[in-house]
Amino acid sequence: GTSFANASYDFSQQRFANVRAQRDAENRAATQIANDVRTKVAAFLAT
């Protein structure tokens, strides 16, 4: 199977803020993918 997720973040003049904002967006998208994959695998195993 496949899964995808998107998350946006604002870009500023502060380098550290940009790194943290990007990581936060990546973490939010990763959580969405994990939830989707878990649901697909659980449904498959249940049936």
ModelCIF file with pLDDT and N, C-alpha, C, O atoms, coordinates in Angstrom:
data_MODEL
#
_entry.id   MODEL 
#
_entity.id                         1 
_entity.type                       polymer 
_entity.pdbx_number_of_molecules   1 
#
_entity_poly.entity_id                      1 
_entity_poly.type                           'polypeptide(L)' 
_entity_poly.nstd_linkage                   no 
_entity_poly.nstd_monomer                   no 
_entity_poly.pdbx_seq_one_letter_code       GTSFANASYDFSQQRFANVRAQRDAENRAATQIANDVRTKVAAFLAT 
_entity_poly.pdbx_seq_one_letter_code_can   GTSFANASYDFSQQRFANVRAQRDAENRAATQIANDVRTKVAAFLAT 
_entity_poly.pdbx_strand_id                 A 
#
loop_
_entity_poly_seq.entity_id 
_entity_poly_seq.num 
_entity_poly_seq.mon_id 
_entity_poly_seq.hetero 
1 1  GLY n 
1 2  THR n 
1 3  SER n 
1 4  PHE n 
1 5  ALA n 
1 6  ASN n 
1 7  ALA n 
1 8  SER n 
1 9  TYR n 
1 10 ASP n 
1 11 PHE n 
1 12 SER n 
1 13 GLN n 
1 14 GLN n 
1 15 ARG n 
1 16 PHE n 
1 17 ALA n 
1 18 ASN n 
1 19 VAL n 
1 20 ARG n 
1 21 ALA n 
1 22 GLN n 
1 23 ARG n 
1 24 ASP n 
1 25 ALA n 
1 26 GLU n 
1 27 ASN n 
1 28 ARG n 
1 29 ALA n 
1 30 ALA n 
1 31 THR n 
1 32 GLN n 
1 33 ILE n 
1 34 ALA n 
1 35 ASN n 
1 36 ASP n 
1 37 VAL n 
1 38 ARG n 
1 39 THR n 
1 40 LYS n 
1 41 VAL n 
1 42 ALA n 
1 43 ALA n 
1 44 PHE n 
1 45 LEU n 
1 46 ALA n 
1 47 THR n 
#
_struct_asym.id          A 
_struct_asym.entity_id   1 
#
loop_
_ma_qa_metric.id 
_ma_qa_metric.mode 
_ma_qa_metric.name 
_ma_qa_metric.software_group_id 
_ma_qa_metric.type 
1 global pLDDT . pLDDT 
2 local  pLDDT . pLDDT 
#
_ma_qa_metric_global.metric_id      1 
_ma_qa_metric_global.metric_value   94.26 
_ma_qa_metric_global.model_id       1 
_ma_qa_metric_global.ordinal_id     1 
#
loop_
_ma_qa_metric_local.label_asym_id 
_ma_qa_metric_local.label_comp_id 
_ma_qa_metric_local.label_seq_id 
_ma_qa_metric_local.metric_id 
_ma_qa_metric_local.metric_value 
_ma_qa_metric_local.model_id 
_ma_qa_metric_local.ordinal_id 
A GLY 1  2 97.00 1 1  
A THR 2  2 98.00 1 2  
A SER 3  2 97.00 1 3  
A PHE 4  2 97.00 1 4  
A ALA 5  2 97.00 1 5  
A ASN 6  2 97.00 1 6  
A ALA 7  2 96.00 1 7  
A SER 8  2 94.00 1 8  
A TYR 9  2 92.00 1 9  
A ASP 10 2 90.00 1 10 
A PHE 11 2 86.00 1 11 
A SER 12 2 84.00 1 12 
A GLN 13 2 82.00 1 13 
A GLN 14 2 86.00 1 14 
A ARG 15 2 87.00 1 15 
A PHE 16 2 93.00 1 16 
A ALA 17 2 92.00 1 17 
A ASN 18 2 91.00 1 18 
A VAL 19 2 93.00 1 19 
A ARG 20 2 95.00 1 20 
A ALA 21 2 94.00 1 21 
A GLN 22 2 94.00 1 22 
A ARG 23 2 96.00 1 23 
A ASP 24 2 97.00 1 24 
A ALA 25 2 96.00 1 25 
A GLU 26 2 97.00 1 26 
A ASN 27 2 97.00 1 27 
A ARG 28 2 97.00 1 28 
A ALA 29 2 97.00 1 29 
A ALA 30 2 97.00 1 30 
A THR 31 2 97.00 1 31 
A GLN 32 2 97.00 1 32 
A ILE 33 2 97.00 1 33 
A ALA 34 2 97.00 1 34 
A ASN 35 2 97.00 1 35 
A ASP 36 2 98.00 1 36 
A VAL 37 2 97.00 1 37 
A ARG 38 2 96.00 1 38 
A THR 39 2 96.00 1 39 
A LYS 40 2 97.00 1 40 
A VAL 41 2 96.00 1 41 
A ALA 42 2 93.00 1 42 
A ALA 43 2 95.00 1 43 
A PHE 44 2 95.00 1 44 
A LEU 45 2 92.00 1 45 
A ALA 46 2 92.00 1 46 
A THR 47 2 92.00 1 47 
#
loop_
_atom_site.group_PDB 
_atom_site.id 
_atom_site.type_symbol 
_atom_site.label_atom_id 
_atom_site.label_alt_id 
_atom_site.label_comp_id 
_atom_site.label_asym_id 
_atom_site.label_entity_id 
_atom_site.label_seq_id 
_atom_site.pdbx_PDB_ins_code 
_atom_site.Cartn_x 
_atom_site.Cartn_y 
_atom_site.Cartn_z 
_atom_site.occupancy 
_atom_site.B_iso_or_equiv 
_atom_site.pdbx_formal_charge 
_atom_site.auth_seq_id 
_atom_site.auth_comp_id 
_atom_site.auth_asym_id 
_atom_site.auth_atom_id 
_atom_site.pdbx_PDB_model_num 
ATOM 1   N N  . GLY A 1 1  ? 0.821   -1.205  0.000  1.00 97.00 ? 1  GLY A N  1 
ATOM 2   C CA . GLY A 1 1  ? 0.000   0.000   0.000  1.00 97.00 ? 1  GLY A CA 1 
ATOM 3   C C  . GLY A 1 1  ? 0.849   1.246   0.000  1.00 97.00 ? 1  GLY A C  1 
ATOM 4   O O  . GLY A 1 1  ? 2.075   1.188   0.098  1.00 97.00 ? 1  GLY A O  1 
ATOM 5   N N  . THR A 1 2  ? 0.179   2.373   -0.112 1.00 98.00 ? 2  THR A N  1 
ATOM 6   C CA . THR A 1 2  ? 0.844   3.668   -0.068 1.00 98.00 ? 2  THR A CA 1 
ATOM 7   C C  . THR A 1 2  ? 0.031   4.613   0.800  1.00 98.00 ? 2  THR A C  1 
ATOM 8   O O  . THR A 1 2  ? -1.157  4.407   1.052  1.00 98.00 ? 2  THR A O  1 
ATOM 9   N N  . SER A 1 3  ? 0.712   5.649   1.245  1.00 97.00 ? 3  SER A N  1 
ATOM 10  C CA . SER A 1 3  ? 0.066   6.706   2.012  1.00 97.00 ? 3  SER A CA 1 
ATOM 11  C C  . SER A 1 3  ? 0.831   7.995   1.750  1.00 97.00 ? 3  SER A C  1 
ATOM 12  O O  . SER A 1 3  ? 2.016   7.962   1.419  1.00 97.00 ? 3  SER A O  1 
ATOM 13  N N  . PHE A 1 4  ? 0.164   9.115   1.896  1.00 97.00 ? 4  PHE A N  1 
ATOM 14  C CA . PHE A 1 4  ? 0.845   10.400  1.743  1.00 97.00 ? 4  PHE A CA 1 
ATOM 15  C C  . PHE A 1 4  ? 0.226   11.409  2.695  1.00 97.00 ? 4  PHE A C  1 
ATOM 16  O O  . PHE A 1 4  ? -0.914  11.258  3.134  1.00 97.00 ? 4  PHE A O  1 
ATOM 17  N N  . ALA A 1 5  ? 1.000   12.437  3.003  1.00 97.00 ? 5  ALA A N  1 
ATOM 18  C CA . ALA A 1 5  ? 0.512   13.535  3.842  1.00 97.00 ? 5  ALA A CA 1 
ATOM 19  C C  . ALA A 1 5  ? 1.275   14.802  3.504  1.00 97.00 ? 5  ALA A C  1 
ATOM 20  O O  . ALA A 1 5  ? 2.435   14.755  3.093  1.00 97.00 ? 5  ALA A O  1 
ATOM 21  N N  . ASN A 1 6  ? 0.609   15.933  3.682  1.00 97.00 ? 6  ASN A N  1 
ATOM 22  C CA . ASN A 1 6  ? 1.207   17.247  3.468  1.00 97.00 ? 6  ASN A CA 1 
ATOM 23  C C  . ASN A 1 6  ? 1.023   18.081  4.723  1.00 97.00 ? 6  ASN A C  1 
ATOM 24  O O  . ASN A 1 6  ? 0.021   17.946  5.425  1.00 97.00 ? 6  ASN A O  1 
ATOM 25  N N  . ALA A 1 7  ? 1.982   18.932  5.000  1.00 96.00 ? 7  ALA A N  1 
ATOM 26  C CA . ALA A 1 7  ? 1.874   19.897  6.097  1.00 96.00 ? 7  ALA A CA 1 
ATOM 27  C C  . ALA A 1 7  ? 2.663   21.138  5.703  1.00 96.00 ? 7  ALA A C  1 
ATOM 28  O O  . ALA A 1 7  ? 3.750   21.037  5.133  1.00 96.00 ? 7  ALA A O  1 
ATOM 29  N N  . SER A 1 8  ? 2.120   22.291  6.005  1.00 94.00 ? 8  SER A N  1 
ATOM 30  C CA . SER A 1 8  ? 2.800   23.541  5.632  1.00 94.00 ? 8  SER A CA 1 
ATOM 31  C C  . SER A 1 8  ? 3.415   24.198  6.863  1.00 94.00 ? 8  SER A C  1 
ATOM 32  O O  . SER A 1 8  ? 3.044   23.916  8.003  1.00 94.00 ? 8  SER A O  1 
ATOM 33  N N  . TYR A 1 9  ? 4.362   25.078  6.588  1.00 92.00 ? 9  TYR A N  1 
ATOM 34  C CA . TYR A 1 9  ? 4.951   25.888  7.660  1.00 92.00 ? 9  TYR A CA 1 
ATOM 35  C C  . TYR A 1 9  ? 5.387   27.233  7.102  1.00 92.00 ? 9  TYR A C  1 
ATOM 36  O O  . TYR A 1 9  ? 5.737   27.355  5.928  1.00 92.00 ? 9  TYR A O  1 
ATOM 37  N N  . ASP A 1 10 ? 5.361   28.237  7.967  1.00 90.00 ? 10 ASP A N  1 
ATOM 38  C CA . ASP A 1 10 ? 5.774   29.583  7.581  1.00 90.00 ? 10 ASP A CA 1 
ATOM 39  C C  . ASP A 1 10 ? 7.291   29.699  7.635  1.00 90.00 ? 10 ASP A C  1 
ATOM 40  O O  . ASP A 1 10 ? 7.947   29.095  8.485  1.00 90.00 ? 10 ASP A O  1 
ATOM 41  N N  . PHE A 1 11 ? 7.827   30.474  6.729  1.00 86.00 ? 11 PHE A N  1 
ATOM 42  C CA . PHE A 1 11 ? 9.265   30.710  6.635  1.00 86.00 ? 11 PHE A CA 1 
ATOM 43  C C  . PHE A 1 11 ? 9.550   32.118  7.153  1.00 86.00 ? 11 PHE A C  1 
ATOM 44  O O  . PHE A 1 11 ? 8.828   33.060  6.828  1.00 86.00 ? 11 PHE A O  1 
ATOM 45  N N  . SER A 1 12 ? 10.596  32.257  7.954  1.00 84.00 ? 12 SER A N  1 
ATOM 46  C CA . SER A 1 12 ? 10.936  33.567  8.501  1.00 84.00 ? 12 SER A CA 1 
ATOM 47  C C  . SER A 1 12 ? 12.412  33.880  8.254  1.00 84.00 ? 12 SER A C  1 
ATOM 48  O O  . SER A 1 12 ? 13.124  33.112  7.608  1.00 84.00 ? 12 SER A O  1 
ATOM 49  N N  . GLN A 1 13 ? 12.852  35.013  8.778  1.00 82.00 ? 13 GLN A N  1 
ATOM 50  C CA . GLN A 1 13 ? 14.249  35.410  8.645  1.00 82.00 ? 13 GLN A CA 1 
ATOM 51  C C  . GLN A 1 13 ? 15.135  34.724  9.692  1.00 82.00 ? 13 GLN A C  1 
ATOM 52  O O  . GLN A 1 13 ? 16.357  34.864  9.644  1.00 82.00 ? 13 GLN A O  1 
ATOM 53  N N  . GLN A 1 14 ? 14.552  34.001  10.614 1.00 86.00 ? 14 GLN A N  1 
ATOM 54  C CA . GLN A 1 14 ? 15.305  33.347  11.679 1.00 86.00 ? 14 GLN A CA 1 
ATOM 55  C C  . GLN A 1 14 ? 15.566  31.892  11.322 1.00 86.00 ? 14 GLN A C  1 
ATOM 56  O O  . GLN A 1 14 ? 14.638  31.096  11.185 1.00 86.00 ? 14 GLN A O  1 
ATOM 57  N N  . ARG A 1 15 ? 16.825  31.562  11.175 1.00 87.00 ? 15 ARG A N  1 
ATOM 58  C CA . ARG A 1 15 ? 17.204  30.223  10.718 1.00 87.00 ? 15 ARG A CA 1 
ATOM 59  C C  . ARG A 1 15 ? 16.720  29.126  11.659 1.00 87.00 ? 15 ARG A C  1 
ATOM 60  O O  . ARG A 1 15 ? 16.154  28.134  11.200 1.00 87.00 ? 15 ARG A O  1 
ATOM 61  N N  . PHE A 1 16 ? 16.931  29.283  12.967 1.00 93.00 ? 16 PHE A N  1 
ATOM 62  C CA . PHE A 1 16 ? 16.514  28.253  13.919 1.00 93.00 ? 16 PHE A CA 1 
ATOM 63  C C  . PHE A 1 16 ? 15.001  28.062  13.900 1.00 93.00 ? 16 PHE A C  1 
ATOM 64  O O  . PHE A 1 16 ? 14.512  26.934  13.978 1.00 93.00 ? 16 PHE A O  1 
ATOM 65  N N  . ALA A 1 17 ? 14.261  29.163  13.798 1.00 92.00 ? 17 ALA A N  1 
ATOM 66  C CA . ALA A 1 17 ? 12.801  29.066  13.727 1.00 92.00 ? 17 ALA A CA 1 
ATOM 67  C C  . ALA A 1 17 ? 12.372  28.280  12.493 1.00 92.00 ? 17 ALA A C  1 
ATOM 68  O O  . ALA A 1 17 ? 11.407  27.518  12.549 1.00 92.00 ? 17 ALA A O  1 
ATOM 69  N N  . ASN A 1 18 ? 13.078  28.459  11.386 1.00 91.00 ? 18 ASN A N  1 
ATOM 70  C CA . ASN A 1 18 ? 12.748  27.721  10.162 1.00 91.00 ? 18 ASN A CA 1 
ATOM 71  C C  . ASN A 1 18 ? 13.007  26.229  10.318 1.00 91.00 ? 18 ASN A C  1 
ATOM 72  O O  . ASN A 1 18 ? 12.211  25.404  9.870  1.00 91.00 ? 18 ASN A O  1 
ATOM 73  N N  . VAL A 1 19 ? 14.124  25.887  10.955 1.00 93.00 ? 19 VAL A N  1 
ATOM 74  C CA . VAL A 1 19 ? 14.442  24.470  11.182 1.00 93.00 ? 19 VAL A CA 1 
ATOM 75  C C  . VAL A 1 19 ? 13.370  23.832  12.055 1.00 93.00 ? 19 VAL A C  1 
ATOM 76  O O  . VAL A 1 19 ? 12.887  22.741  11.749 1.00 93.00 ? 19 VAL A O  1 
ATOM 77  N N  . ARG A 1 20 ? 12.997  24.502  13.134 1.00 95.00 ? 20 ARG A N  1 
ATOM 78  C CA . ARG A 1 20 ? 11.971  23.960  14.041 1.00 95.00 ? 20 ARG A CA 1 
ATOM 79  C C  . ARG A 1 20 ? 10.618  23.864  13.345 1.00 95.00 ? 20 ARG A C  1 
ATOM 80  O O  . ARG A 1 20 ? 9.899   22.881  13.524 1.00 95.00 ? 20 ARG A O  1 
ATOM 81  N N  . ALA A 1 21 ? 10.266  24.872  12.557 1.00 94.00 ? 21 ALA A N  1 
ATOM 82  C CA . ALA A 1 21 ? 8.986   24.862  11.852 1.00 94.00 ? 21 ALA A CA 1 
ATOM 83  C C  . ALA A 1 21 ? 8.933   23.714  10.846 1.00 94.00 ? 21 ALA A C  1 
ATOM 84  O O  . ALA A 1 21 ? 7.905   23.051  10.714 1.00 94.00 ? 21 ALA A O  1 
ATOM 85  N N  . GLN A 1 22 ? 10.044  23.477  10.133 1.00 94.00 ? 22 GLN A N  1 
ATOM 86  C CA . GLN A 1 22 ? 10.082  22.377  9.182  1.00 94.00 ? 22 GLN A CA 1 
ATOM 87  C C  . GLN A 1 22 ? 9.956   21.032  9.902  1.00 94.00 ? 22 GLN A C  1 
ATOM 88  O O  . GLN A 1 22 ? 9.208   20.160  9.460  1.00 94.00 ? 22 GLN A O  1 
ATOM 89  N N  . ARG A 1 23 ? 10.680  20.861  11.002 1.00 96.00 ? 23 ARG A N  1 
ATOM 90  C CA . ARG A 1 23 ? 10.579  19.608  11.759 1.00 96.00 ? 23 ARG A CA 1 
ATOM 91  C C  . ARG A 1 23 ? 9.174   19.380  12.288 1.00 96.00 ? 23 ARG A C  1 
ATOM 92  O O  . ARG A 1 23 ? 8.674   18.256  12.260 1.00 96.00 ? 23 ARG A O  1 
ATOM 93  N N  . ASP A 1 24 ? 8.539   20.431  12.769 1.00 97.00 ? 24 ASP A N  1 
ATOM 94  C CA . ASP A 1 24 ? 7.173   20.309  13.266 1.00 97.00 ? 24 ASP A CA 1 
ATOM 95  C C  . ASP A 1 24 ? 6.239   19.873  12.142 1.00 97.00 ? 24 ASP A C  1 
ATOM 96  O O  . ASP A 1 24 ? 5.390   19.005  12.344 1.00 97.00 ? 24 ASP A O  1 
ATOM 97  N N  . ALA A 1 25 ? 6.390   20.465  10.969 1.00 96.00 ? 25 ALA A N  1 
ATOM 98  C CA . ALA A 1 25 ? 5.555   20.079  9.823  1.00 96.00 ? 25 ALA A CA 1 
ATOM 99  C C  . ALA A 1 25 ? 5.825   18.622  9.428  1.00 96.00 ? 25 ALA A C  1 
ATOM 100 O O  . ALA A 1 25 ? 4.890   17.877  9.137  1.00 96.00 ? 25 ALA A O  1 
ATOM 101 N N  . GLU A 1 26 ? 7.096   18.215  9.417  1.00 97.00 ? 26 GLU A N  1 
ATOM 102 C CA . GLU A 1 26 ? 7.428   16.822  9.102  1.00 97.00 ? 26 GLU A CA 1 
ATOM 103 C C  . GLU A 1 26 ? 6.812   15.872  10.124 1.00 97.00 ? 26 GLU A C  1 
ATOM 104 O O  . GLU A 1 26 ? 6.292   14.817  9.759  1.00 97.00 ? 26 GLU A O  1 
ATOM 105 N N  . ASN A 1 27 ? 6.869   16.240  11.400 1.00 97.00 ? 27 ASN A N  1 
ATOM 106 C CA . ASN A 1 27 ? 6.299   15.391  12.455 1.00 97.00 ? 27 ASN A CA 1 
ATOM 107 C C  . ASN A 1 27 ? 4.784   15.277  12.318 1.00 97.00 ? 27 ASN A C  1 
ATOM 108 O O  . ASN A 1 27 ? 4.224   14.198  12.511 1.00 97.00 ? 27 ASN A O  1 
ATOM 109 N N  . ARG A 1 28 ? 4.120   16.380  11.989 1.00 97.00 ? 28 ARG A N  1 
ATOM 110 C CA . ARG A 1 28 ? 2.666   16.331  11.797 1.00 97.00 ? 28 ARG A CA 1 
ATOM 111 C C  . ARG A 1 28 ? 2.306   15.420  10.622 1.00 97.00 ? 28 ARG A C  1 
ATOM 112 O O  . ARG A 1 28 ? 1.372   14.623  10.713 1.00 97.00 ? 28 ARG A O  1 
ATOM 113 N N  . ALA A 1 29 ? 3.042   15.538  9.532  1.00 97.00 ? 29 ALA A N  1 
ATOM 114 C CA . ALA A 1 29 ? 2.776   14.692  8.362  1.00 97.00 ? 29 ALA A CA 1 
ATOM 115 C C  . ALA A 1 29 ? 3.096   13.230  8.674  1.00 97.00 ? 29 ALA A C  1 
ATOM 116 O O  . ALA A 1 29 ? 2.375   12.335  8.232  1.00 97.00 ? 29 ALA A O  1 
ATOM 117 N N  . ALA A 1 30 ? 4.165   12.978  9.428  1.00 97.00 ? 30 ALA A N  1 
ATOM 118 C CA . ALA A 1 30 ? 4.535   11.602  9.793  1.00 97.00 ? 30 ALA A CA 1 
ATOM 119 C C  . ALA A 1 30 ? 3.443   10.964  10.638 1.00 97.00 ? 30 ALA A C  1 
ATOM 120 O O  . ALA A 1 30 ? 3.125   9.789   10.451 1.00 97.00 ? 30 ALA A O  1 
ATOM 121 N N  . THR A 1 31 ? 2.869   11.715  11.560 1.00 97.00 ? 31 THR A N  1 
ATOM 122 C CA . THR A 1 31 ? 1.782   11.192  12.396 1.00 97.00 ? 31 THR A CA 1 
ATOM 123 C C  . THR A 1 31 ? 0.562   10.850  11.546 1.00 97.00 ? 31 THR A C  1 
ATOM 124 O O  . THR A 1 31 ? -0.093  9.836   11.783 1.00 97.00 ? 31 THR A O  1 
ATOM 125 N N  . GLN A 1 32 ? 0.254   11.690  10.559 1.00 97.00 ? 32 GLN A N  1 
ATOM 126 C CA . GLN A 1 32 ? -0.869  11.405  9.660  1.00 97.00 ? 32 GLN A CA 1 
ATOM 127 C C  . GLN A 1 32 ? -0.629  10.114  8.888  1.00 97.00 ? 32 GLN A C  1 
ATOM 128 O O  . GLN A 1 32 ? -1.533  9.290   8.750  1.00 97.00 ? 32 GLN A O  1 
ATOM 129 N N  . ILE A 1 33 ? 0.585   9.939   8.387  1.00 97.00 ? 33 ILE A N  1 
ATOM 130 C CA . ILE A 1 33 ? 0.901   8.715   7.642  1.00 97.00 ? 33 ILE A CA 1 
ATOM 131 C C  . ILE A 1 33 ? 0.814   7.499   8.558  1.00 97.00 ? 33 ILE A C  1 
ATOM 132 O O  . ILE A 1 33 ? 0.245   6.478   8.172  1.00 97.00 ? 33 ILE A O  1 
ATOM 133 N N  . ALA A 1 34 ? 1.365   7.591   9.755  1.00 97.00 ? 34 ALA A N  1 
ATOM 134 C CA . ALA A 1 34 ? 1.316   6.463   10.690 1.00 97.00 ? 34 ALA A CA 1 
ATOM 135 C C  . ALA A 1 34 ? -0.125  6.067   10.987 1.00 97.00 ? 34 ALA A C  1 
ATOM 136 O O  . ALA A 1 34 ? -0.447  4.879   11.016 1.00 97.00 ? 34 ALA A O  1 
ATOM 137 N N  . ASN A 1 35 ? -0.990  7.045   11.207 1.00 97.00 ? 35 ASN A N  1 
ATOM 138 C CA . ASN A 1 35 ? -2.398  6.738   11.473 1.00 97.00 ? 35 ASN A CA 1 
ATOM 139 C C  . ASN A 1 35 ? -3.057  6.063   10.277 1.00 97.00 ? 35 ASN A C  1 
ATOM 140 O O  . ASN A 1 35 ? -3.837  5.125   10.445 1.00 97.00 ? 35 ASN A O  1 
ATOM 141 N N  . ASP A 1 36 ? -2.752  6.529   9.081  1.00 98.00 ? 36 ASP A N  1 
ATOM 142 C CA . ASP A 1 36 ? -3.329  5.951   7.870  1.00 98.00 ? 36 ASP A CA 1 
ATOM 143 C C  . ASP A 1 36 ? -2.835  4.517   7.648  1.00 98.00 ? 36 ASP A C  1 
ATOM 144 O O  . ASP A 1 36 ? -3.629  3.619   7.367  1.00 98.00 ? 36 ASP A O  1 
ATOM 145 N N  . VAL A 1 37 ? -1.528  4.311   7.775  1.00 97.00 ? 37 VAL A N  1 
ATOM 146 C CA . VAL A 1 37 ? -0.969  2.963   7.585  1.00 97.00 ? 37 VAL A CA 1 
ATOM 147 C C  . VAL A 1 37 ? -1.515  2.011   8.636  1.00 97.00 ? 37 VAL A C  1 
ATOM 148 O O  . VAL A 1 37 ? -1.873  0.878   8.314  1.00 97.00 ? 37 VAL A O  1 
ATOM 149 N N  . ARG A 1 38 ? -1.585  2.449   9.881  1.00 96.00 ? 38 ARG A N  1 
ATOM 150 C CA . ARG A 1 38 ? -2.121  1.603   10.957 1.00 96.00 ? 38 ARG A CA 1 
ATOM 151 C C  . ARG A 1 38 ? -3.553  1.176   10.640 1.00 96.00 ? 38 ARG A C  1 
ATOM 152 O O  . ARG A 1 38 ? -3.907  0.008   10.805 1.00 96.00 ? 38 ARG A O  1 
ATOM 153 N N  . THR A 1 39 ? -4.369  2.114   10.190 1.00 96.00 ? 39 THR A N  1 
ATOM 154 C CA . THR A 1 39 ? -5.758  1.805   9.862  1.00 96.00 ? 39 THR A CA 1 
ATOM 155 C C  . THR A 1 39 ? -5.838  0.797   8.720  1.00 96.00 ? 39 THR A C  1 
ATOM 156 O O  . THR A 1 39 ? -6.632  -0.143  8.779  1.00 96.00 ? 39 THR A O  1 
ATOM 157 N N  . LYS A 1 40 ? -5.034  0.981   7.693  1.00 97.00 ? 40 LYS A N  1 
ATOM 158 C CA . LYS A 1 40 ? -5.053  0.062   6.548  1.00 97.00 ? 40 LYS A CA 1 
ATOM 159 C C  . LYS A 1 40 ? -4.592  -1.339  6.939  1.00 97.00 ? 40 LYS A C  1 
ATOM 160 O O  . LYS A 1 40 ? -5.197  -2.332  6.534  1.00 97.00 ? 40 LYS A O  1 
ATOM 161 N N  . VAL A 1 41 ? -3.522  -1.416  7.729  1.00 96.00 ? 41 VAL A N  1 
ATOM 162 C CA . VAL A 1 41 ? -2.999  -2.737  8.154  1.00 96.00 ? 41 VAL A CA 1 
ATOM 163 C C  . VAL A 1 41 ? -3.986  -3.402  9.095  1.00 96.00 ? 41 VAL A C  1 
ATOM 164 O O  . VAL A 1 41 ? -4.243  -4.599  8.965  1.00 96.00 ? 41 VAL A O  1 
ATOM 165 N N  . ALA A 1 42 ? -4.546  -2.655  10.041 1.00 93.00 ? 42 ALA A N  1 
ATOM 166 C CA . ALA A 1 42 ? -5.510  -3.230  10.983 1.00 93.00 ? 42 ALA A CA 1 
ATOM 167 C C  . ALA A 1 42 ? -6.760  -3.740  10.259 1.00 93.00 ? 42 ALA A C  1 
ATOM 168 O O  . ALA A 1 42 ? -7.279  -4.807  10.586 1.00 93.00 ? 42 ALA A O  1 
ATOM 169 N N  . ALA A 1 43 ? -7.234  -2.980  9.285  1.00 95.00 ? 43 ALA A N  1 
ATOM 170 C CA . ALA A 1 43 ? -8.405  -3.429  8.508  1.00 95.00 ? 43 ALA A CA 1 
ATOM 171 C C  . ALA A 1 43 ? -8.087  -4.700  7.739  1.00 95.00 ? 43 ALA A C  1 
ATOM 172 O O  . ALA A 1 43 ? -8.906  -5.618  7.687  1.00 95.00 ? 43 ALA A O  1 
ATOM 173 N N  . PHE A 1 44 ? -6.898  -4.758  7.141  1.00 95.00 ? 44 PHE A N  1 
ATOM 174 C CA . PHE A 1 44 ? -6.512  -5.952  6.410  1.00 95.00 ? 44 PHE A CA 1 
ATOM 175 C C  . PHE A 1 44 ? -6.441  -7.165  7.331  1.00 95.00 ? 44 PHE A C  1 
ATOM 176 O O  . PHE A 1 44 ? -6.977  -8.226  7.010  1.00 95.00 ? 44 PHE A O  1 
ATOM 177 N N  . LEU A 1 45 ? -5.779  -7.009  8.477  1.00 92.00 ? 45 LEU A N  1 
ATOM 178 C CA . LEU A 1 45 ? -5.644  -8.137  9.407  1.00 92.00 ? 45 LEU A CA 1 
ATOM 179 C C  . LEU A 1 45 ? -6.979  -8.564  9.997  1.00 92.00 ? 45 LEU A C  1 
ATOM 180 O O  . LEU A 1 45 ? -7.200  -9.751  10.238 1.00 92.00 ? 45 LEU A O  1 
ATOM 181 N N  . ALA A 1 46 ? -7.860  -7.618  10.227 1.00 92.00 ? 46 ALA A N  1 
ATOM 182 C CA . ALA A 1 46 ? -9.184  -7.939  10.784 1.00 92.00 ? 46 ALA A CA 1 
ATOM 183 C C  . ALA A 1 46 ? -10.036 -8.730  9.803  1.00 92.00 ? 46 ALA A C  1 
ATOM 184 O O  . ALA A 1 46 ? -10.830 -9.579  10.207 1.00 92.00 ? 46 ALA A O  1 
ATOM 185 N N  . THR A 1 47 ? -9.873  -8.453  8.522  1.00 92.00 ? 47 THR A N  1 
ATOM 186 C CA . THR A 1 47 ? -10.705 -9.137  7.523  1.00 92.00 ? 47 THR A CA 1 
ATOM 187 C C  . THR A 1 47 ? -10.063 -10.386 6.957  1.00 92.00 ? 47 THR A C  1 
ATOM 188 O O  . THR A 1 47 ? -10.654 -11.055 6.109  1.00 92.00 ? 47 THR A O  1 
#
